[in-house]
Amino acid sequence: MTDFFEKAYLAGLGAWSVTKEKAKEIVDDLVEKGKITADEAPKILKELVSKAEESKKALEERVEKGVENTVNRLNLATKSDVQRVEEKLDLILKELKKK
């Protein structure tokens, strides 16, 4: 299951990269068509990229919450749960070795 979420995350990163390239293409096209000036292009590109980054961050947060909810719903042990059990087991094993 972790593999699925990792692939989804990487796909999102790839999509963001494509979005950044696409934003540049759109801005270049607007300049070429005379809709905006070459001087305006960097500012507009920066705004488009900023919006894409905000969307990416929001998506990452939603995916993270979704994964957390899924883990909780499936009643799966978290890394900290496993770590606590390992610590308790270590203490028990130390006590048994003393006897």
N, C-alpha and C. Protein backbone atom coordinates (compact mmCIF):
# COMPACT_ATOMS: atom_id res chain seq x y z
N MET A 1 0.82 -1.19 0.00
CA MET A 1 0.00 0.00 0.00
C MET A 1 0.87 1.25 0.00
N THR A 2 1.96 1.23 0.74
CA THR A 2 2.87 2.37 0.78
C THR A 2 3.40 2.68 -0.61
N ASP A 3 3.66 1.63 -1.39
CA ASP A 3 4.14 1.79 -2.75
C ASP A 3 3.15 2.59 -3.59
N PHE A 4 1.87 2.32 -3.41
CA PHE A 4 0.83 3.05 -4.14
C PHE A 4 0.89 4.53 -3.82
N PHE A 5 0.97 4.87 -2.53
CA PHE A 5 0.99 6.27 -2.13
C PHE A 5 2.27 6.96 -2.60
N GLU A 6 3.37 6.23 -2.59
CA GLU A 6 4.62 6.81 -3.07
C GLU A 6 4.52 7.12 -4.56
N LYS A 7 3.94 6.18 -5.33
CA LYS A 7 3.77 6.42 -6.77
C LYS A 7 2.83 7.58 -7.02
N ALA A 8 1.76 7.70 -6.24
CA ALA A 8 0.82 8.81 -6.41
C ALA A 8 1.51 10.14 -6.11
N TYR A 9 2.33 10.15 -5.07
CA TYR A 9 3.06 11.36 -4.71
C TYR A 9 4.04 11.76 -5.83
N LEU A 10 4.78 10.78 -6.34
CA LEU A 10 5.74 11.06 -7.41
C LEU A 10 5.03 11.51 -8.68
N ALA A 11 3.86 10.94 -8.94
CA ALA A 11 3.08 11.37 -10.10
C ALA A 11 2.66 12.83 -9.93
N GLY A 12 2.30 13.19 -8.71
CA GLY A 12 1.94 14.58 -8.43
C GLY A 12 3.10 15.52 -8.66
N LEU A 13 4.29 15.10 -8.25
CA LEU A 13 5.48 15.93 -8.46
C LEU A 13 5.76 16.09 -9.95
N GLY A 14 5.60 15.00 -10.68
CA GLY A 14 5.79 15.06 -12.13
C GLY A 14 4.78 15.98 -12.78
N ALA A 15 3.54 15.91 -12.31
CA ALA A 15 2.49 16.77 -12.85
C ALA A 15 2.81 18.23 -12.55
N TRP A 16 3.35 18.50 -11.37
CA TRP A 16 3.71 19.86 -11.02
C TRP A 16 4.80 20.38 -11.95
N SER A 17 5.78 19.54 -12.23
CA SER A 17 6.86 19.93 -13.13
C SER A 17 6.32 20.25 -14.51
N VAL A 18 5.41 19.40 -14.99
CA VAL A 18 4.80 19.63 -16.29
C VAL A 18 4.01 20.94 -16.25
N THR A 19 3.33 21.20 -15.14
CA THR A 19 2.55 22.42 -14.99
C THR A 19 3.45 23.65 -15.09
N LYS A 20 4.61 23.58 -14.48
CA LYS A 20 5.56 24.70 -14.53
C LYS A 20 5.99 24.95 -15.97
N GLU A 21 6.30 23.87 -16.68
CA GLU A 21 6.70 24.01 -18.09
C GLU A 21 5.54 24.55 -18.92
N LYS A 22 4.35 24.03 -18.65
CA LYS A 22 3.16 24.46 -19.38
C LYS A 22 2.88 25.93 -19.12
N ALA A 23 3.08 26.40 -17.89
CA ALA A 23 2.86 27.80 -17.56
C ALA A 23 3.79 28.69 -18.39
N LYS A 24 5.03 28.25 -18.54
CA LYS A 24 5.98 29.02 -19.35
C LYS A 24 5.51 29.05 -20.80
N GLU A 25 5.05 27.91 -21.29
CA GLU A 25 4.54 27.87 -22.67
C GLU A 25 3.36 28.81 -22.86
N ILE A 26 2.46 28.83 -21.89
CA ILE A 26 1.28 29.69 -21.97
C ILE A 26 1.70 31.16 -21.99
N VAL A 27 2.60 31.51 -21.09
CA VAL A 27 3.06 32.91 -21.03
C VAL A 27 3.79 33.28 -22.32
N ASP A 28 4.63 32.39 -22.81
CA ASP A 28 5.34 32.66 -24.07
C ASP A 28 4.34 32.85 -25.21
N ASP A 29 3.30 32.03 -25.22
CA ASP A 29 2.27 32.13 -26.26
C ASP A 29 1.52 33.46 -26.16
N LEU A 30 1.23 33.90 -24.94
CA LEU A 30 0.55 35.19 -24.75
C LEU A 30 1.41 36.34 -25.24
N VAL A 31 2.71 36.26 -25.00
CA VAL A 31 3.63 37.29 -25.49
C VAL A 31 3.64 37.27 -27.01
N GLU A 32 3.74 36.08 -27.57
CA GLU A 32 3.79 35.93 -29.03
C GLU A 32 2.53 36.48 -29.69
N LYS A 33 1.39 36.28 -29.05
CA LYS A 33 0.12 36.76 -29.62
C LYS A 33 -0.15 38.23 -29.31
N GLY A 34 0.73 38.84 -28.51
CA GLY A 34 0.58 40.25 -28.20
C GLY A 34 -0.42 40.53 -27.09
N LYS A 35 -0.84 39.50 -26.38
CA LYS A 35 -1.81 39.68 -25.29
C LYS A 35 -1.16 40.32 -24.06
N ILE A 36 0.13 40.02 -23.87
CA ILE A 36 0.91 40.64 -22.79
C ILE A 36 2.26 41.04 -23.37
N THR A 37 2.91 41.95 -22.67
CA THR A 37 4.24 42.37 -23.14
C THR A 37 5.31 41.44 -22.57
N ALA A 38 6.45 41.49 -23.18
CA ALA A 38 7.58 40.68 -22.70
C ALA A 38 7.98 41.11 -21.30
N ASP A 39 7.77 42.38 -20.97
CA ASP A 39 8.09 42.88 -19.63
C ASP A 39 7.13 42.31 -18.59
N GLU A 40 5.88 42.05 -18.97
CA GLU A 40 4.89 41.50 -18.05
C GLU A 40 5.06 39.99 -17.84
N ALA A 41 5.67 39.33 -18.80
CA ALA A 41 5.78 37.88 -18.79
C ALA A 41 6.38 37.29 -17.52
N PRO A 42 7.52 37.80 -17.03
CA PRO A 42 8.09 37.20 -15.82
C PRO A 42 7.15 37.27 -14.61
N LYS A 43 6.47 38.41 -14.46
CA LYS A 43 5.55 38.57 -13.34
C LYS A 43 4.39 37.57 -13.45
N ILE A 44 3.82 37.45 -14.62
CA ILE A 44 2.69 36.54 -14.83
C ILE A 44 3.14 35.10 -14.65
N LEU A 45 4.32 34.76 -15.16
CA LEU A 45 4.85 33.41 -14.99
C LEU A 45 5.05 33.11 -13.51
N LYS A 46 5.58 34.07 -12.78
CA LYS A 46 5.79 33.89 -11.34
C LYS A 46 4.46 33.65 -10.63
N GLU A 47 3.43 34.40 -11.02
CA GLU A 47 2.10 34.22 -10.42
C GLU A 47 1.53 32.83 -10.73
N LEU A 48 1.68 32.40 -11.97
CA LEU A 48 1.18 31.07 -12.35
C LEU A 48 1.90 29.96 -11.59
N VAL A 49 3.22 30.09 -11.50
CA VAL A 49 4.01 29.08 -10.78
C VAL A 49 3.65 29.10 -9.30
N SER A 50 3.44 30.29 -8.74
CA SER A 50 3.06 30.40 -7.34
C SER A 50 1.73 29.70 -7.08
N LYS A 51 0.77 29.92 -7.97
CA LYS A 51 -0.54 29.25 -7.84
C LYS A 51 -0.38 27.74 -7.94
N ALA A 52 0.49 27.28 -8.84
CA ALA A 52 0.73 25.84 -8.99
C ALA A 52 1.35 25.27 -7.72
N GLU A 53 2.27 26.01 -7.12
CA GLU A 53 2.92 25.55 -5.89
C GLU A 53 1.91 25.48 -4.75
N GLU A 54 1.01 26.48 -4.68
CA GLU A 54 -0.04 26.46 -3.66
C GLU A 54 -0.94 25.24 -3.84
N SER A 55 -1.29 24.97 -5.08
CA SER A 55 -2.15 23.81 -5.38
C SER A 55 -1.43 22.52 -5.03
N LYS A 56 -0.14 22.45 -5.33
CA LYS A 56 0.65 21.26 -5.01
C LYS A 56 0.68 21.03 -3.51
N LYS A 57 0.90 22.11 -2.76
CA LYS A 57 0.96 22.00 -1.31
C LYS A 57 -0.38 21.54 -0.75
N ALA A 58 -1.46 22.10 -1.27
CA ALA A 58 -2.80 21.71 -0.82
C ALA A 58 -3.06 20.24 -1.13
N LEU A 59 -2.63 19.79 -2.30
CA LEU A 59 -2.79 18.39 -2.69
C LEU A 59 -1.99 17.49 -1.77
N GLU A 60 -0.75 17.86 -1.48
CA GLU A 60 0.08 17.06 -0.58
C GLU A 60 -0.57 16.93 0.80
N GLU A 61 -1.14 18.04 1.29
CA GLU A 61 -1.79 18.01 2.60
C GLU A 61 -3.02 17.09 2.57
N ARG A 62 -3.80 17.16 1.49
CA ARG A 62 -4.98 16.30 1.39
C ARG A 62 -4.58 14.83 1.30
N VAL A 63 -3.53 14.53 0.53
CA VAL A 63 -3.07 13.14 0.42
C VAL A 63 -2.57 12.65 1.77
N GLU A 64 -1.81 13.49 2.46
CA GLU A 64 -1.29 13.11 3.78
C GLU A 64 -2.43 12.81 4.75
N LYS A 65 -3.45 13.68 4.76
CA LYS A 65 -4.59 13.44 5.64
C LYS A 65 -5.34 12.18 5.23
N GLY A 66 -5.46 11.97 3.92
CA GLY A 66 -6.13 10.76 3.43
C GLY A 66 -5.40 9.50 3.85
N VAL A 67 -4.09 9.52 3.75
CA VAL A 67 -3.28 8.36 4.16
C VAL A 67 -3.44 8.14 5.66
N GLU A 68 -3.36 9.22 6.42
CA GLU A 68 -3.49 9.11 7.87
C GLU A 68 -4.87 8.54 8.24
N ASN A 69 -5.92 9.03 7.60
CA ASN A 69 -7.26 8.52 7.86
C ASN A 69 -7.38 7.05 7.48
N THR A 70 -6.77 6.66 6.37
CA THR A 70 -6.81 5.27 5.92
C THR A 70 -6.09 4.37 6.91
N VAL A 71 -4.93 4.80 7.36
CA VAL A 71 -4.16 4.02 8.35
C VAL A 71 -4.99 3.85 9.62
N ASN A 72 -5.61 4.94 10.06
CA ASN A 72 -6.44 4.86 11.27
C ASN A 72 -7.65 3.96 11.07
N ARG A 73 -8.31 4.10 9.93
CA ARG A 73 -9.50 3.30 9.65
C ARG A 73 -9.18 1.81 9.55
N LEU A 74 -8.03 1.51 8.98
CA LEU A 74 -7.62 0.11 8.84
C LEU A 74 -6.99 -0.43 10.12
N ASN A 75 -6.84 0.47 11.09
CA ASN A 75 -6.26 0.11 12.38
C ASN A 75 -4.85 -0.47 12.23
N LEU A 76 -4.07 0.15 11.35
CA LEU A 76 -2.69 -0.28 11.13
C LEU A 76 -1.77 0.36 12.16
N ALA A 77 -0.74 -0.33 12.50
CA ALA A 77 0.25 0.20 13.44
C ALA A 77 1.09 1.27 12.74
N THR A 78 1.31 2.36 13.45
CA THR A 78 2.18 3.40 12.91
C THR A 78 3.62 3.08 13.32
N LYS A 79 4.54 3.83 12.78
CA LYS A 79 5.96 3.65 13.11
C LYS A 79 6.18 3.85 14.61
N SER A 80 5.52 4.86 15.18
CA SER A 80 5.69 5.12 16.62
C SER A 80 5.07 4.00 17.45
N ASP A 81 3.96 3.40 16.96
CA ASP A 81 3.37 2.26 17.67
C ASP A 81 4.36 1.10 17.72
N VAL A 82 4.96 0.80 16.59
CA VAL A 82 5.92 -0.30 16.51
C VAL A 82 7.13 -0.01 17.38
N GLN A 83 7.57 1.24 17.38
CA GLN A 83 8.73 1.62 18.19
C GLN A 83 8.44 1.42 19.68
N ARG A 84 7.24 1.79 20.13
CA ARG A 84 6.87 1.61 21.54
C ARG A 84 6.85 0.12 21.90
N VAL A 85 6.33 -0.72 21.01
CA VAL A 85 6.29 -2.16 21.27
C VAL A 85 7.71 -2.71 21.33
N GLU A 86 8.58 -2.25 20.43
CA GLU A 86 9.97 -2.71 20.45
C GLU A 86 10.65 -2.33 21.76
N GLU A 87 10.40 -1.12 22.22
CA GLU A 87 11.01 -0.67 23.48
C GLU A 87 10.52 -1.53 24.65
N LYS A 88 9.23 -1.81 24.67
CA LYS A 88 8.68 -2.65 25.74
C LYS A 88 9.26 -4.06 25.66
N LEU A 89 9.37 -4.59 24.46
CA LEU A 89 9.93 -5.92 24.26
C LEU A 89 11.38 -5.96 24.73
N ASP A 90 12.14 -4.92 24.42
CA ASP A 90 13.53 -4.84 24.87
C ASP A 90 13.61 -4.89 26.40
N LEU A 91 12.72 -4.17 27.07
CA LEU A 91 12.69 -4.18 28.54
C LEU A 91 12.35 -5.57 29.07
N ILE A 92 11.38 -6.21 28.46
CA ILE A 92 10.97 -7.56 28.89
C ILE A 92 12.13 -8.54 28.69
N LEU A 93 12.79 -8.46 27.55
CA LEU A 93 13.92 -9.36 27.28
C LEU A 93 15.06 -9.13 28.26
N LYS A 94 15.32 -7.90 28.63
CA LYS A 94 16.37 -7.60 29.60
C LYS A 94 16.02 -8.20 30.96
N GLU A 95 14.75 -8.09 31.35
CA GLU A 95 14.29 -8.67 32.62
C GLU A 95 14.41 -10.18 32.60
N LEU A 96 14.07 -10.79 31.48
CA LEU A 96 14.17 -12.26 31.39
C LEU A 96 15.61 -12.74 31.44
N LYS A 97 16.52 -11.98 30.87
CA LYS A 97 17.94 -12.35 30.88
C LYS A 97 18.51 -12.28 32.30
N LYS A 98 17.97 -11.39 33.12
CA LYS A 98 18.45 -11.26 34.49
C LYS A 98 18.09 -12.50 35.31
N LYS A 99 17.03 -13.17 34.93
CA LYS A 99 16.55 -14.31 35.73
C LYS A 99 17.26 -15.57 35.39
